[in-house]
């Protein structure tokens, strides 16, 4: 995630290749003040993760998976 105005990385979490990205959501949502948006890849595209991001006050900017059900 980065600040588009200043182009600075604000938060970065790296996991091992064997760990599903969706398991890292707690790391991503660990903010004292939530950002306006969280940009992530399709692994974070589940309804639960999108809802958690919205509940934290941020906009989820995540592309939909090809097999996702529209909601």
C-alpha atoms as a PDB file:
ATOM      1  CA  UNK A   1       0.000   0.000   0.000  1.00  0.00           C
ATOM      2  CA  UNK A   2       1.263   3.456  -0.690  1.00  0.00           C
ATOM      3  CA  UNK A   3       0.289   7.093  -0.464  1.00  0.00           C
ATOM      4  CA  UNK A   4      -0.373   8.129  -4.073  1.00  0.00           C
ATOM      5  CA  UNK A   5       0.279  11.788  -3.312  1.00  0.00           C
ATOM      6  CA  UNK A   6       3.707  11.314  -1.766  1.00  0.00           C
ATOM      7  CA  UNK A   7       4.418   7.901  -3.323  1.00  0.00           C
ATOM      8  CA  UNK A   8       5.577   6.450  -0.016  1.00  0.00           C
ATOM      9  CA  UNK A   9       4.995   2.901   1.158  1.00  0.00           C
ATOM     10  CA  UNK A  10       2.971   3.143   4.350  1.00  0.00           C
ATOM     11  CA  UNK A  11       2.675  -0.518   5.263  1.00  0.00           C
ATOM     12  CA  UNK A  12       4.187  -3.681   3.819  1.00  0.00           C
ATOM     13  CA  UNK A  13       3.715  -7.287   4.899  1.00  0.00           C
ATOM     14  CA  UNK A  14       5.565 -10.205   3.285  1.00  0.00           C
ATOM     15  CA  UNK A  15       4.691 -13.843   3.879  1.00  0.00           C
ATOM     16  CA  UNK A  16       6.198 -17.140   2.841  1.00  0.00           C
ATOM     17  CA  UNK A  17       5.181 -18.532  -0.532  1.00  0.00           C
ATOM     18  CA  UNK A  18       3.241 -21.401   1.057  1.00  0.00           C
ATOM     19  CA  UNK A  19       0.958 -19.098   3.099  1.00  0.00           C
ATOM     20  CA  UNK A  20      -2.303 -18.013   1.472  1.00  0.00           C
ATOM     21  CA  UNK A  21      -2.372 -14.229   1.143  1.00  0.00           C
ATOM     22  CA  UNK A  22      -5.798 -14.063   2.773  1.00  0.00           C
ATOM     23  CA  UNK A  23      -4.219 -15.242   6.047  1.00  0.00           C
ATOM     24  CA  UNK A  24      -2.303 -11.938   6.185  1.00  0.00           C
ATOM     25  CA  UNK A  25      -5.394  -9.737   6.549  1.00  0.00           C
ATOM     26  CA  UNK A  26      -4.814  -9.136  10.274  1.00  0.00           C
ATOM     27  CA  UNK A  27      -1.356  -7.775   9.443  1.00  0.00           C
ATOM     28  CA  UNK A  28      -2.821  -5.477   6.810  1.00  0.00           C
ATOM     29  CA  UNK A  29      -5.581  -4.164   9.082  1.00  0.00           C
ATOM     30  CA  UNK A  30      -3.232  -3.366  11.968  1.00  0.00           C
ATOM     31  CA  UNK A  31      -3.427   0.454  11.715  1.00  0.00           C
ATOM     32  CA  UNK A  32      -3.654   3.112  14.398  1.00  0.00           C
ATOM     33  CA  UNK A  33      -5.412   5.327  11.814  1.00  0.00           C
ATOM     34  CA  UNK A  34      -6.854   3.471   8.800  1.00  0.00           C
ATOM     35  CA  UNK A  35      -5.890   4.595   5.304  1.00  0.00           C
ATOM     36  CA  UNK A  36      -8.501   5.841   2.833  1.00  0.00           C
ATOM     37  CA  UNK A  37      -8.016   2.713   0.685  1.00  0.00           C
ATOM     38  CA  UNK A  38      -6.244  -0.630   0.774  1.00  0.00           C
ATOM     39  CA  UNK A  39      -4.931  -1.914  -2.554  1.00  0.00           C
ATOM     40  CA  UNK A  40      -4.458  -5.686  -2.732  1.00  0.00           C
ATOM     41  CA  UNK A  41      -4.414  -8.529  -5.228  1.00  0.00           C
ATOM     42  CA  UNK A  42      -7.187 -11.040  -5.967  1.00  0.00           C
ATOM     43  CA  UNK A  43      -6.240 -13.256  -3.026  1.00  0.00           C
ATOM     44  CA  UNK A  44      -7.839 -10.631  -0.768  1.00  0.00           C
ATOM     45  CA  UNK A  45     -11.054 -10.532  -2.822  1.00  0.00           C
ATOM     46  CA  UNK A  46     -13.357 -12.563  -0.574  1.00  0.00           C
ATOM     47  CA  UNK A  47     -16.515 -10.915   0.740  1.00  0.00           C
ATOM     48  CA  UNK A  48     -15.289 -11.409   4.327  1.00  0.00           C
ATOM     49  CA  UNK A  49     -11.989  -9.618   3.708  1.00  0.00           C
ATOM     50  CA  UNK A  50     -13.668  -6.782   1.781  1.00  0.00           C
ATOM     51  CA  UNK A  51     -16.126  -6.376   4.671  1.00  0.00           C
ATOM     52  CA  UNK A  52     -13.298  -6.317   7.239  1.00  0.00           C
ATOM     53  CA  UNK A  53     -11.511  -3.591   5.274  1.00  0.00           C
ATOM     54  CA  UNK A  54     -14.726  -1.539   5.055  1.00  0.00           C
ATOM     55  CA  UNK A  55     -15.390  -2.083   8.784  1.00  0.00           C
ATOM     56  CA  UNK A  56     -11.965  -0.549   9.454  1.00  0.00           C
ATOM     57  CA  UNK A  57     -13.017   2.555   7.505  1.00  0.00           C
ATOM     58  CA  UNK A  58     -11.015   1.971   4.318  1.00  0.00           C
ATOM     59  CA  UNK A  59     -12.065   1.353   0.725  1.00  0.00           C
ATOM     60  CA  UNK A  60     -10.987  -2.070  -0.600  1.00  0.00           C
ATOM     61  CA  UNK A  61      -9.377  -1.685  -4.035  1.00  0.00           C
ATOM     62  CA  UNK A  62      -9.167  -5.338  -5.054  1.00  0.00           C
ATOM     63  CA  UNK A  63      -9.821  -6.868  -8.489  1.00  0.00           C
ATOM     64  CA  UNK A  64     -12.556  -9.516  -8.573  1.00  0.00           C
ATOM     65  CA  UNK A  65     -11.626 -13.146  -9.036  1.00  0.00           C
ATOM     66  CA  UNK A  66     -12.762 -14.697 -12.301  1.00  0.00           C
ATOM     67  CA  UNK A  67     -14.962 -17.196 -10.419  1.00  0.00           C
ATOM     68  CA  UNK A  68     -16.365 -14.700  -7.886  1.00  0.00           C
ATOM     69  CA  UNK A  69     -20.110 -14.445  -7.374  1.00  0.00           C
ATOM     70  CA  UNK A  70     -21.320 -10.879  -7.906  1.00  0.00           C
ATOM     71  CA  UNK A  71     -22.863  -9.426  -4.754  1.00  0.00           C
END
